[in-house]
Amino acid sequence: MHKLKKELEEAMEEDHRLSLVDAAKKRAIRTVGSYEEFQHRVAYAHLRPLSRKDIQNVAQDTRGFFNAVARKNVGGHGGGGCFDALLREGGKLGNAMLSEPKLVNYERTKANDLRKFSSRTHPITCSTKVSALGFEKAWQTFIDTQASPQEKQRFYQEVGGSTFIERCFVAPAKEMSAETLGDIIETLAEALTMEEGGKREDSAENGLAPAFRGDLVRLLYILPGMGRFSVTFALLTPMQATTARKLVRQSVKEEGQDKEERRQGLMEVWSPYMA
């Protein structure tokens, strides 16, 4: 029985991998410029795309693959660690990073420029016409520059909060990167903690409005409607996923018996992610 269960699990994993490869082929046919690039995209369909920050970390040999299977199979061979693994697995990408050290210097210079940019009171000028791509780029700037939670919270409120997320990501079923989603969840959780501790005031010092619980509940309710949310949620760090579940449980508890329908609706849309 155990053997049969193991074979079934392996077959399901293989089927999932093949579905990812098939989807990557369909996307690549419409977007790539050469057959070589097509091969690369299909070969790494099961891996999460690298961000600027990930490339810096790999180049500095401070962390390995975020794919657990790849890390287990190829990490730590010889003295080169994850950088040697990148060369073995990445082919031309790894060689390009070795032959072009200016790439790393460029990224460090850009990060320094972003830190100077974030020293202003309002790092990003907001408007009601911010697009989904513009929002992600702005939030990535906050992450790269290690902006304060107050700056992130202010930006989130200025673009429209849950209303903006619904308009730009949920209504068109658009995907948001796991890094951005995870950081938003952590930022809002910290805002909730500040309010409960009596530190959150509508003052010129932090620029935050005290009434945001309703917006938080609404955001949690609509997030699962985002494009490929199940995949994005699976890519969150364990701490971020735990924080999201904690926010949902706390919101359900605070909704009260007089709002039973909303409580049930929130638990229903989050039930696949509460394990």
C-alpha atoms as a PDB file:
ATOM      1  CA  MET A   1       0.000   0.000   0.000  1.00  0.00           C
ATOM      2  CA  HIS A   2       2.849   2.353   0.876  1.00  0.00           C
ATOM      3  CA  LYS A   3       4.556   1.595  -2.435  1.00  0.00           C
ATOM      4  CA  LEU A   4       1.353   2.300  -4.362  1.00  0.00           C
ATOM      5  CA  LYS A   5       0.906   5.605  -2.538  1.00  0.00           C
ATOM      6  CA  LYS A   6       4.484   6.605  -3.327  1.00  0.00           C
ATOM      7  CA  GLU A   7       4.046   5.761  -7.025  1.00  0.00           C
ATOM      8  CA  LEU A   8       0.839   7.810  -7.125  1.00  0.00           C
ATOM      9  CA  GLU A   9       2.584  10.816  -5.558  1.00  0.00           C
ATOM     10  CA  GLU A  10       5.447  10.552  -8.043  1.00  0.00           C
ATOM     11  CA  ALA A  11       3.004  10.333 -10.935  1.00  0.00           C
ATOM     12  CA  MET A  12       1.146  13.419  -9.688  1.00  0.00           C
ATOM     13  CA  GLU A  13       4.411  15.358  -9.359  1.00  0.00           C
ATOM     14  CA  GLU A  14       5.449  14.359 -12.881  1.00  0.00           C
ATOM     15  CA  ASP A  15       2.041  15.363 -14.235  1.00  0.00           C
ATOM     16  CA  HIS A  16       2.341  18.744 -12.518  1.00  0.00           C
ATOM     17  CA  ARG A  17       5.833  19.246 -13.960  1.00  0.00           C
ATOM     18  CA  LEU A  18       4.644  18.378 -17.455  1.00  0.00           C
ATOM     19  CA  SER A  19       1.739  20.815 -17.161  1.00  0.00           C
ATOM     20  CA  LEU A  20       4.174  23.588 -16.204  1.00  0.00           C
ATOM     21  CA  VAL A  21       6.426  22.736 -19.144  1.00  0.00           C
ATOM     22  CA  ASP A  22       3.434  22.697 -21.518  1.00  0.00           C
ATOM     23  CA  ALA A  23       2.262  26.099 -20.263  1.00  0.00           C
ATOM     24  CA  ALA A  24       5.799  27.470 -20.612  1.00  0.00           C
ATOM     25  CA  LYS A  25       5.964  26.251 -24.212  1.00  0.00           C
ATOM     26  CA  LYS A  26       2.700  27.998 -25.096  1.00  0.00           C
ATOM     27  CA  ARG A  27       3.873  31.257 -23.519  1.00  0.00           C
ATOM     28  CA  ALA A  28       7.357  31.024 -25.014  1.00  0.00           C
ATOM     29  CA  ILE A  29       6.085  30.475 -28.572  1.00  0.00           C
ATOM     30  CA  ARG A  30       4.430  33.895 -28.467  1.00  0.00           C
ATOM     31  CA  THR A  31       7.241  35.818 -26.753  1.00  0.00           C
ATOM     32  CA  VAL A  32      10.733  34.445 -27.430  1.00  0.00           C
ATOM     33  CA  GLY A  33      12.990  35.595 -30.242  1.00  0.00           C
ATOM     34  CA  SER A  34      15.024  32.419 -30.799  1.00  0.00           C
ATOM     35  CA  TYR A  35      14.783  28.662 -30.384  1.00  0.00           C
ATOM     36  CA  GLU A  36      17.645  28.731 -27.849  1.00  0.00           C
ATOM     37  CA  GLU A  37      15.701  31.110 -25.617  1.00  0.00           C
ATOM     38  CA  PHE A  38      12.646  28.890 -26.058  1.00  0.00           C
ATOM     39  CA  GLN A  39      14.649  25.894 -24.781  1.00  0.00           C
ATOM     40  CA  HIS A  40      15.868  27.829 -21.732  1.00  0.00           C
ATOM     41  CA  ARG A  41      12.370  28.952 -20.751  1.00  0.00           C
ATOM     42  CA  VAL A  42      10.927  25.471 -21.033  1.00  0.00           C
ATOM     43  CA  ALA A  43      13.837  23.892 -19.128  1.00  0.00           C
ATOM     44  CA  TYR A  44      13.293  26.153 -16.131  1.00  0.00           C
ATOM     45  CA  ALA A  45       9.482  26.287 -16.177  1.00  0.00           C
ATOM     46  CA  HIS A  46       9.319  24.850 -12.624  1.00  0.00           C
ATOM     47  CA  LEU A  47      11.573  27.556 -11.146  1.00  0.00           C
ATOM     48  CA  ARG A  48      10.547  30.972  -9.882  1.00  0.00           C
ATOM     49  CA  PRO A  49      11.926  33.905 -11.938  1.00  0.00           C
ATOM     50  CA  LEU A  50      14.976  35.692 -10.537  1.00  0.00           C
ATOM     51  CA  SER A  51      14.597  39.255  -9.292  1.00  0.00           C
ATOM     52  CA  ARG A  52      17.404  41.835  -9.096  1.00  0.00           C
ATOM     53  CA  LYS A  53      17.841  41.086  -5.400  1.00  0.00           C
ATOM     54  CA  ASP A  54      18.096  37.329  -6.027  1.00  0.00           C
ATOM     55  CA  ILE A  55      20.824  37.854  -8.646  1.00  0.00           C
ATOM     56  CA  GLN A  56      22.833  39.978  -6.210  1.00  0.00           C
ATOM     57  CA  ASN A  57      22.564  37.329  -3.507  1.00  0.00           C
ATOM     58  CA  VAL A  58      23.647  34.528  -5.842  1.00  0.00           C
ATOM     59  CA  ALA A  59      26.555  36.580  -7.204  1.00  0.00           C
ATOM     60  CA  GLN A  60      27.755  37.224  -3.652  1.00  0.00           C
ATOM     61  CA  ASP A  61      27.410  33.494  -2.833  1.00  0.00           C
ATOM     62  CA  THR A  62      25.198  34.196   0.181  1.00  0.00           C
ATOM     63  CA  ARG A  63      22.307  31.890  -0.654  1.00  0.00           C
ATOM     64  CA  GLY A  64      21.411  29.046  -2.979  1.00  0.00           C
ATOM     65  CA  PHE A  65      18.429  28.202  -5.130  1.00  0.00           C
ATOM     66  CA  PHE A  66      14.996  28.884  -3.721  1.00  0.00           C
ATOM     67  CA  ASN A  67      13.904  25.658  -5.400  1.00  0.00           C
ATOM     68  CA  ALA A  68      14.269  23.001  -2.696  1.00  0.00           C
ATOM     69  CA  VAL A  69      14.843  20.148  -5.150  1.00  0.00           C
ATOM     70  CA  ALA A  70      17.541  22.022  -7.064  1.00  0.00           C
ATOM     71  CA  ARG A  71      19.253  23.034  -3.814  1.00  0.00           C
ATOM     72  CA  LYS A  72      19.229  19.450  -2.541  1.00  0.00           C
ATOM     73  CA  ASN A  73      20.507  17.966  -5.785  1.00  0.00           C
ATOM     74  CA  VAL A  74      23.192  20.404  -6.882  1.00  0.00           C
ATOM     75  CA  GLY A  75      24.055  22.691  -3.956  1.00  0.00           C
ATOM     76  CA  GLY A  76      27.258  22.291  -2.018  1.00  0.00           C
ATOM     77  CA  HIS A  77      29.300  20.254  -4.531  1.00  0.00           C
ATOM     78  CA  GLY A  78      32.925  21.187  -4.131  1.00  0.00           C
ATOM     79  CA  GLY A  79      34.057  24.536  -2.841  1.00  0.00           C
ATOM     80  CA  GLY A  80      31.998  26.687  -5.181  1.00  0.00           C
ATOM     81  CA  GLY A  81      28.665  26.143  -3.413  1.00  0.00           C
ATOM     82  CA  CYS A  82      25.585  27.665  -4.964  1.00  0.00           C
ATOM     83  CA  PHE A  83      27.554  29.703  -7.505  1.00  0.00           C
ATOM     84  CA  ASP A  84      29.024  26.525  -9.056  1.00  0.00           C
ATOM     85  CA  ALA A  85      25.524  25.086  -9.017  1.00  0.00           C
ATOM     86  CA  LEU A  86      24.278  28.116 -10.894  1.00  0.00           C
ATOM     87  CA  LEU A  87      26.928  27.547 -13.574  1.00  0.00           C
ATOM     88  CA  ARG A  88      25.988  23.893 -13.912  1.00  0.00           C
ATOM     89  CA  GLU A  89      22.266  24.585 -14.086  1.00  0.00           C
ATOM     90  CA  GLY A  90      22.184  27.967 -15.746  1.00  0.00           C
ATOM     91  CA  GLY A  91      24.576  27.412 -18.627  1.00  0.00           C
ATOM     92  CA  LYS A  92      25.060  30.648 -20.495  1.00  0.00           C
ATOM     93  CA  LEU A  93      23.422  32.668 -17.717  1.00  0.00           C
ATOM     94  CA  GLY A  94      26.124  31.618 -15.258  1.00  0.00           C
ATOM     95  CA  ASN A  95      28.929  32.230 -17.753  1.00  0.00           C
ATOM     96  CA  ALA A  96      27.521  35.661 -18.573  1.00  0.00           C
ATOM     97  CA  MET A  97      27.505  36.609 -14.902  1.00  0.00           C
ATOM     98  CA  LEU A  98      31.145  35.523 -14.530  1.00  0.00           C
ATOM     99  CA  SER A  99      32.320  37.254 -17.680  1.00  0.00           C
ATOM    100  CA  GLU A 100      30.394  40.454 -16.907  1.00  0.00           C
ATOM    101  CA  PRO A 101      31.249  41.446 -13.308  1.00  0.00           C
ATOM    102  CA  LYS A 102      30.043  44.953 -14.151  1.00  0.00           C
ATOM    103  CA  LEU A 103      26.492  43.599 -13.826  1.00  0.00           C
ATOM    104  CA  VAL A 104      26.918  43.169 -10.064  1.00  0.00           C
ATOM    105  CA  ASN A 105      28.566  46.590  -9.731  1.00  0.00           C
ATOM    106  CA  TYR A 106      25.721  48.134 -11.695  1.00  0.00           C
ATOM    107  CA  GLU A 107      23.125  46.569  -9.410  1.00  0.00           C
ATOM    108  CA  ARG A 108      24.992  47.776  -6.296  1.00  0.00           C
ATOM    109  CA  THR A 109      25.246  51.298  -7.690  1.00  0.00           C
ATOM    110  CA  LYS A 110      21.555  51.274  -8.540  1.00  0.00           C
ATOM    111  CA  ALA A 111      20.676  50.067  -5.035  1.00  0.00           C
ATOM    112  CA  ASN A 112      22.711  52.929  -3.530  1.00  0.00           C
ATOM    113  CA  ASP A 113      20.880  55.422  -5.742  1.00  0.00           C
ATOM    114  CA  LEU A 114      17.551  53.970  -4.601  1.00  0.00           C
ATOM    115  CA  ARG A 115      18.550  54.371  -0.948  1.00  0.00           C
ATOM    116  CA  LYS A 116      19.257  58.063  -1.540  1.00  0.00           C
ATOM    117  CA  PHE A 117      15.907  58.330  -3.304  1.00  0.00           C
ATOM    118  CA  SER A 118      14.074  56.812  -0.330  1.00  0.00           C
ATOM    119  CA  SER A 119      15.489  59.371   2.089  1.00  0.00           C
ATOM    120  CA  ARG A 120      12.768  61.821   0.999  1.00  0.00           C
ATOM    121  CA  THR A 121       9.552  62.080   2.984  1.00  0.00           C
ATOM    122  CA  HIS A 122       7.522  60.701   0.049  1.00  0.00           C
ATOM    123  CA  PRO A 123       9.734  58.334  -2.010  1.00  0.00           C
ATOM    124  CA  ILE A 124       6.993  57.719  -4.569  1.00  0.00           C
ATOM    125  CA  THR A 125       4.534  60.261  -5.912  1.00  0.00           C
ATOM    126  CA  CYS A 126       1.142  58.519  -6.003  1.00  0.00           C
ATOM    127  CA  SER A 127      -1.818  59.096  -8.246  1.00  0.00           C
ATOM    128  CA  THR A 128      -5.091  57.386  -9.023  1.00  0.00           C
ATOM    129  CA  LYS A 129      -3.634  56.364 -12.390  1.00  0.00           C
ATOM    130  CA  VAL A 130      -0.951  54.064 -10.962  1.00  0.00           C
ATOM    131  CA  SER A 131      -0.945  50.806 -12.921  1.00  0.00           C
ATOM    132  CA  ALA A 132      -0.373  47.308 -11.592  1.00  0.00           C
ATOM    133  CA  LEU A 133       3.138  47.318 -13.079  1.00  0.00           C
ATOM    134  CA  GLY A 134       3.844  50.765 -11.647  1.00  0.00           C
ATOM    135  CA  PHE A 135       2.663  49.624  -8.221  1.00  0.00           C
ATOM    136  CA  GLU A 136       4.930  46.563  -8.254  1.00  0.00           C
ATOM    137  CA  LYS A 137       7.930  48.627  -9.381  1.00  0.00           C
ATOM    138  CA  ALA A 138       7.274  51.191  -6.664  1.00  0.00           C
ATOM    139  CA  TRP A 139       6.915  48.515  -3.992  1.00  0.00           C
ATOM    140  CA  GLN A 140      10.076  46.783  -5.220  1.00  0.00           C
ATOM    141  CA  THR A 141      11.854  50.114  -4.715  1.00  0.00           C
ATOM    142  CA  PHE A 142      10.676  50.112  -1.111  1.00  0.00           C
ATOM    143  CA  ILE A 143      12.044  46.580  -0.643  1.00  0.00           C
ATOM    144  CA  ASP A 144      15.375  47.373  -2.321  1.00  0.00           C
ATOM    145  CA  THR A 145      15.877  50.504  -0.234  1.00  0.00           C
ATOM    146  CA  GLN A 146      14.653  48.925   3.009  1.00  0.00           C
ATOM    147  CA  ALA A 147      12.034  51.644   3.412  1.00  0.00           C
ATOM    148  CA  SER A 148      10.294  52.041   6.758  1.00  0.00           C
ATOM    149  CA  PRO A 149       6.915  50.347   7.369  1.00  0.00           C
ATOM    150  CA  GLN A 150       5.343  53.820   7.693  1.00  0.00           C
ATOM    151  CA  GLU A 151       6.458  54.745   4.159  1.00  0.00           C
ATOM    152  CA  LYS A 152       5.011  51.522   2.765  1.00  0.00           C
ATOM    153  CA  GLN A 153       1.743  51.925   4.656  1.00  0.00           C
ATOM    154  CA  ARG A 154       1.375  55.519   3.490  1.00  0.00           C
ATOM    155  CA  PHE A 155       1.969  54.526  -0.138  1.00  0.00           C
ATOM    156  CA  TYR A 156      -0.539  51.657   0.125  1.00  0.00           C
ATOM    157  CA  GLN A 157      -3.194  54.028   1.463  1.00  0.00           C
ATOM    158  CA  GLU A 158      -2.469  56.777  -1.063  1.00  0.00           C
ATOM    159  CA  VAL A 159      -2.966  54.528  -4.097  1.00  0.00           C
ATOM    160  CA  GLY A 160      -6.314  53.389  -2.728  1.00  0.00           C
ATOM    161  CA  GLY A 161      -5.646  50.315  -0.568  1.00  0.00           C
ATOM    162  CA  SER A 162      -7.882  47.321  -1.231  1.00  0.00           C
ATOM    163  CA  THR A 163      -9.849  49.260  -3.857  1.00  0.00           C
ATOM    164  CA  PHE A 164      -6.688  49.697  -5.926  1.00  0.00           C
ATOM    165  CA  ILE A 165      -5.684  46.032  -5.502  1.00  0.00           C
ATOM    166  CA  GLU A 166      -9.136  44.943  -6.666  1.00  0.00           C
ATOM    167  CA  ARG A 167      -9.112  47.271  -9.674  1.00  0.00           C
ATOM    168  CA  CYS A 168      -5.598  46.432 -10.898  1.00  0.00           C
ATOM    169  CA  PHE A 169      -5.049  42.825  -9.802  1.00  0.00           C
ATOM    170  CA  VAL A 170      -8.311  41.070  -8.870  1.00  0.00           C
ATOM    171  CA  ALA A 171     -10.799  42.304 -11.491  1.00  0.00           C
ATOM    172  CA  PRO A 172      -8.466  41.447 -14.419  1.00  0.00           C
ATOM    173  CA  ALA A 173      -7.174  38.362 -12.507  1.00  0.00           C
ATOM    174  CA  LYS A 174      -3.638  39.697 -12.777  1.00  0.00           C
ATOM    175  CA  GLU A 175      -0.736  38.014 -10.996  1.00  0.00           C
ATOM    176  CA  MET A 176       1.317  39.768  -8.301  1.00  0.00           C
ATOM    177  CA  SER A 177       4.858  38.649  -7.472  1.00  0.00           C
ATOM    178  CA  ALA A 178       5.278  36.615  -4.280  1.00  0.00           C
ATOM    179  CA  GLU A 179       7.921  39.044  -3.012  1.00  0.00           C
ATOM    180  CA  THR A 180       5.545  42.012  -3.293  1.00  0.00           C
ATOM    181  CA  LEU A 181       2.544  40.159  -1.849  1.00  0.00           C
ATOM    182  CA  GLY A 182       4.575  38.814   1.076  1.00  0.00           C
ATOM    183  CA  ASP A 183       5.955  42.241   1.933  1.00  0.00           C
ATOM    184  CA  ILE A 184       2.474  43.823   1.758  1.00  0.00           C
ATOM    185  CA  ILE A 185       1.152  41.196   4.172  1.00  0.00           C
ATOM    186  CA  GLU A 186       4.025  41.834   6.599  1.00  0.00           C
ATOM    187  CA  THR A 187       3.544  45.609   6.323  1.00  0.00           C
ATOM    188  CA  LEU A 188      -0.196  45.442   7.071  1.00  0.00           C
ATOM    189  CA  ALA A 189       0.381  43.003   9.932  1.00  0.00           C
ATOM    190  CA  GLU A 190       2.832  45.456  11.459  1.00  0.00           C
ATOM    191  CA  ALA A 191       0.309  48.278  10.984  1.00  0.00           C
ATOM    192  CA  LEU A 192      -2.269  46.211  12.853  1.00  0.00           C
ATOM    193  CA  THR A 193       0.192  45.606  15.674  1.00  0.00           C
ATOM    194  CA  MET A 194       0.936  49.334  15.880  1.00  0.00           C
ATOM    195  CA  GLU A 195      -2.766  50.144  16.132  1.00  0.00           C
ATOM    196  CA  GLU A 196      -3.367  47.563  18.844  1.00  0.00           C
ATOM    197  CA  GLY A 197      -0.432  48.958  20.800  1.00  0.00           C
ATOM    198  CA  GLY A 198      -1.842  52.482  20.583  1.00  0.00           C
ATOM    199  CA  LYS A 199       1.076  53.719  18.485  1.00  0.00           C
ATOM    200  CA  ARG A 200      -0.900  54.314  15.314  1.00  0.00           C
ATOM    201  CA  GLU A 201      -2.197  57.897  15.199  1.00  0.00           C
ATOM    202  CA  ASP A 202      -3.275  60.211  12.444  1.00  0.00           C
ATOM    203  CA  SER A 203      -0.363  62.608  12.801  1.00  0.00           C
ATOM    204  CA  ALA A 204       2.040  64.474  10.564  1.00  0.00           C
ATOM    205  CA  GLU A 205       4.804  62.274  11.918  1.00  0.00           C
ATOM    206  CA  ASN A 206       3.629  59.016  10.386  1.00  0.00           C
ATOM    207  CA  GLY A 207       0.877  60.144   8.005  1.00  0.00           C
ATOM    208  CA  LEU A 208      -1.326  57.120   8.751  1.00  0.00           C
ATOM    209  CA  ALA A 209      -5.096  57.040   9.157  1.00  0.00           C
ATOM    210  CA  PRO A 210      -6.312  55.087  12.201  1.00  0.00           C
ATOM    211  CA  ALA A 211      -9.348  53.474  10.517  1.00  0.00           C
ATOM    212  CA  PHE A 212      -7.933  50.750   8.318  1.00  0.00           C
ATOM    213  CA  ARG A 213      -9.344  47.509   9.736  1.00  0.00           C
ATOM    214  CA  GLY A 214     -12.281  47.510   7.315  1.00  0.00           C
ATOM    215  CA  ASP A 215      -9.899  47.931   4.392  1.00  0.00           C
ATOM    216  CA  LEU A 216      -7.720  45.096   5.707  1.00  0.00           C
ATOM    217  CA  VAL A 217     -10.679  42.705   5.962  1.00  0.00           C
ATOM    218  CA  ARG A 218     -11.784  43.665   2.452  1.00  0.00           C
ATOM    219  CA  LEU A 219      -8.253  43.100   1.122  1.00  0.00           C
ATOM    220  CA  LEU A 220      -8.064  39.640   2.692  1.00  0.00           C
ATOM    221  CA  TYR A 221     -11.456  38.811   1.187  1.00  0.00           C
ATOM    222  CA  ILE A 222     -10.482  39.735  -2.383  1.00  0.00           C
ATOM    223  CA  LEU A 223      -6.850  38.513  -2.463  1.00  0.00           C
ATOM    224  CA  PRO A 224      -7.687  34.883  -3.398  1.00  0.00           C
ATOM    225  CA  GLY A 225      -9.348  36.275  -6.549  1.00  0.00           C
ATOM    226  CA  MET A 226      -5.992  37.493  -7.814  1.00  0.00           C
ATOM    227  CA  GLY A 227      -4.430  35.741 -10.811  1.00  0.00           C
ATOM    228  CA  ARG A 228      -2.636  32.477  -9.936  1.00  0.00           C
ATOM    229  CA  PHE A 229      -2.994  33.279  -6.229  1.00  0.00           C
ATOM    230  CA  SER A 230      -2.491  29.654  -5.189  1.00  0.00           C
ATOM    231  CA  VAL A 231       0.912  29.619  -6.917  1.00  0.00           C
ATOM    232  CA  THR A 232       1.889  33.008  -5.490  1.00  0.00           C
ATOM    233  CA  PHE A 233       0.848  31.963  -1.978  1.00  0.00           C
ATOM    234  CA  ALA A 234       2.894  28.773  -2.260  1.00  0.00           C
ATOM    235  CA  LEU A 235       5.992  30.897  -3.009  1.00  0.00           C
ATOM    236  CA  LEU A 236       5.651  32.984   0.157  1.00  0.00           C
ATOM    237  CA  THR A 237       8.125  32.358   2.939  1.00  0.00           C
ATOM    238  CA  PRO A 238       6.792  30.208   5.821  1.00  0.00           C
ATOM    239  CA  MET A 239       6.741  33.296   8.047  1.00  0.00           C
ATOM    240  CA  GLN A 240       4.760  35.337   5.491  1.00  0.00           C
ATOM    241  CA  ALA A 241       2.235  32.524   4.967  1.00  0.00           C
ATOM    242  CA  THR A 242       1.799  32.171   8.740  1.00  0.00           C
ATOM    243  CA  THR A 243       1.301  35.930   9.071  1.00  0.00           C
ATOM    244  CA  ALA A 244      -1.381  35.875   6.359  1.00  0.00           C
ATOM    245  CA  ARG A 245      -3.256  33.043   8.103  1.00  0.00           C
ATOM    246  CA  LYS A 246      -2.987  34.863  11.431  1.00  0.00           C
ATOM    247  CA  LEU A 247      -4.478  38.024   9.895  1.00  0.00           C
ATOM    248  CA  VAL A 248      -7.381  36.016   8.460  1.00  0.00           C
ATOM    249  CA  ARG A 249      -8.135  34.287  11.780  1.00  0.00           C
ATOM    250  CA  GLN A 250      -7.923  37.565  13.649  1.00  0.00           C
ATOM    251  CA  SER A 251     -10.181  39.320  11.143  1.00  0.00           C
ATOM    252  CA  VAL A 252     -12.758  36.520  11.315  1.00  0.00           C
ATOM    253  CA  LYS A 253     -12.730  36.679  15.099  1.00  0.00           C
ATOM    254  CA  GLU A 254     -13.196  40.457  15.169  1.00  0.00           C
ATOM    255  CA  GLU A 255     -16.034  40.476  12.629  1.00  0.00           C
ATOM    256  CA  GLY A 256     -18.413  39.371  15.379  1.00  0.00           C
ATOM    257  CA  GLN A 257     -21.605  37.357  15.331  1.00  0.00           C
ATOM    258  CA  ASP A 258     -23.577  40.231  13.802  1.00  0.00           C
ATOM    259  CA  LYS A 259     -21.570  39.820  10.592  1.00  0.00           C
ATOM    260  CA  GLU A 260     -21.782  36.049  10.315  1.00  0.00           C
ATOM    261  CA  GLU A 261     -22.146  36.104   6.525  1.00  0.00           C
ATOM    262  CA  ARG A 262     -18.904  38.062   6.066  1.00  0.00           C
ATOM    263  CA  ARG A 263     -17.105  35.803   8.523  1.00  0.00           C
ATOM    264  CA  GLN A 264     -18.175  32.693   6.645  1.00  0.00           C
ATOM    265  CA  GLY A 265     -17.298  34.270   3.292  1.00  0.00           C
ATOM    266  CA  LEU A 266     -13.787  35.159   4.454  1.00  0.00           C
ATOM    267  CA  MET A 267     -13.149  31.668   5.814  1.00  0.00           C
ATOM    268  CA  GLU A 268     -14.564  30.093   2.661  1.00  0.00           C
ATOM    269  CA  VAL A 269     -12.239  31.916   0.234  1.00  0.00           C
ATOM    270  CA  TRP A 270      -9.217  31.238   2.491  1.00  0.00           C
ATOM    271  CA  SER A 271     -10.032  27.627   3.399  1.00  0.00           C
ATOM    272  CA  PRO A 272      -7.549  26.132   0.844  1.00  0.00           C
ATOM    273  CA  TYR A 273      -4.704  28.141   2.392  1.00  0.00           C
ATOM    274  CA  MET A 274      -5.363  27.719   6.116  1.00  0.00           C
ATOM    275  CA  ALA A 275      -3.625  24.363   6.603  1.00  0.00           C
END
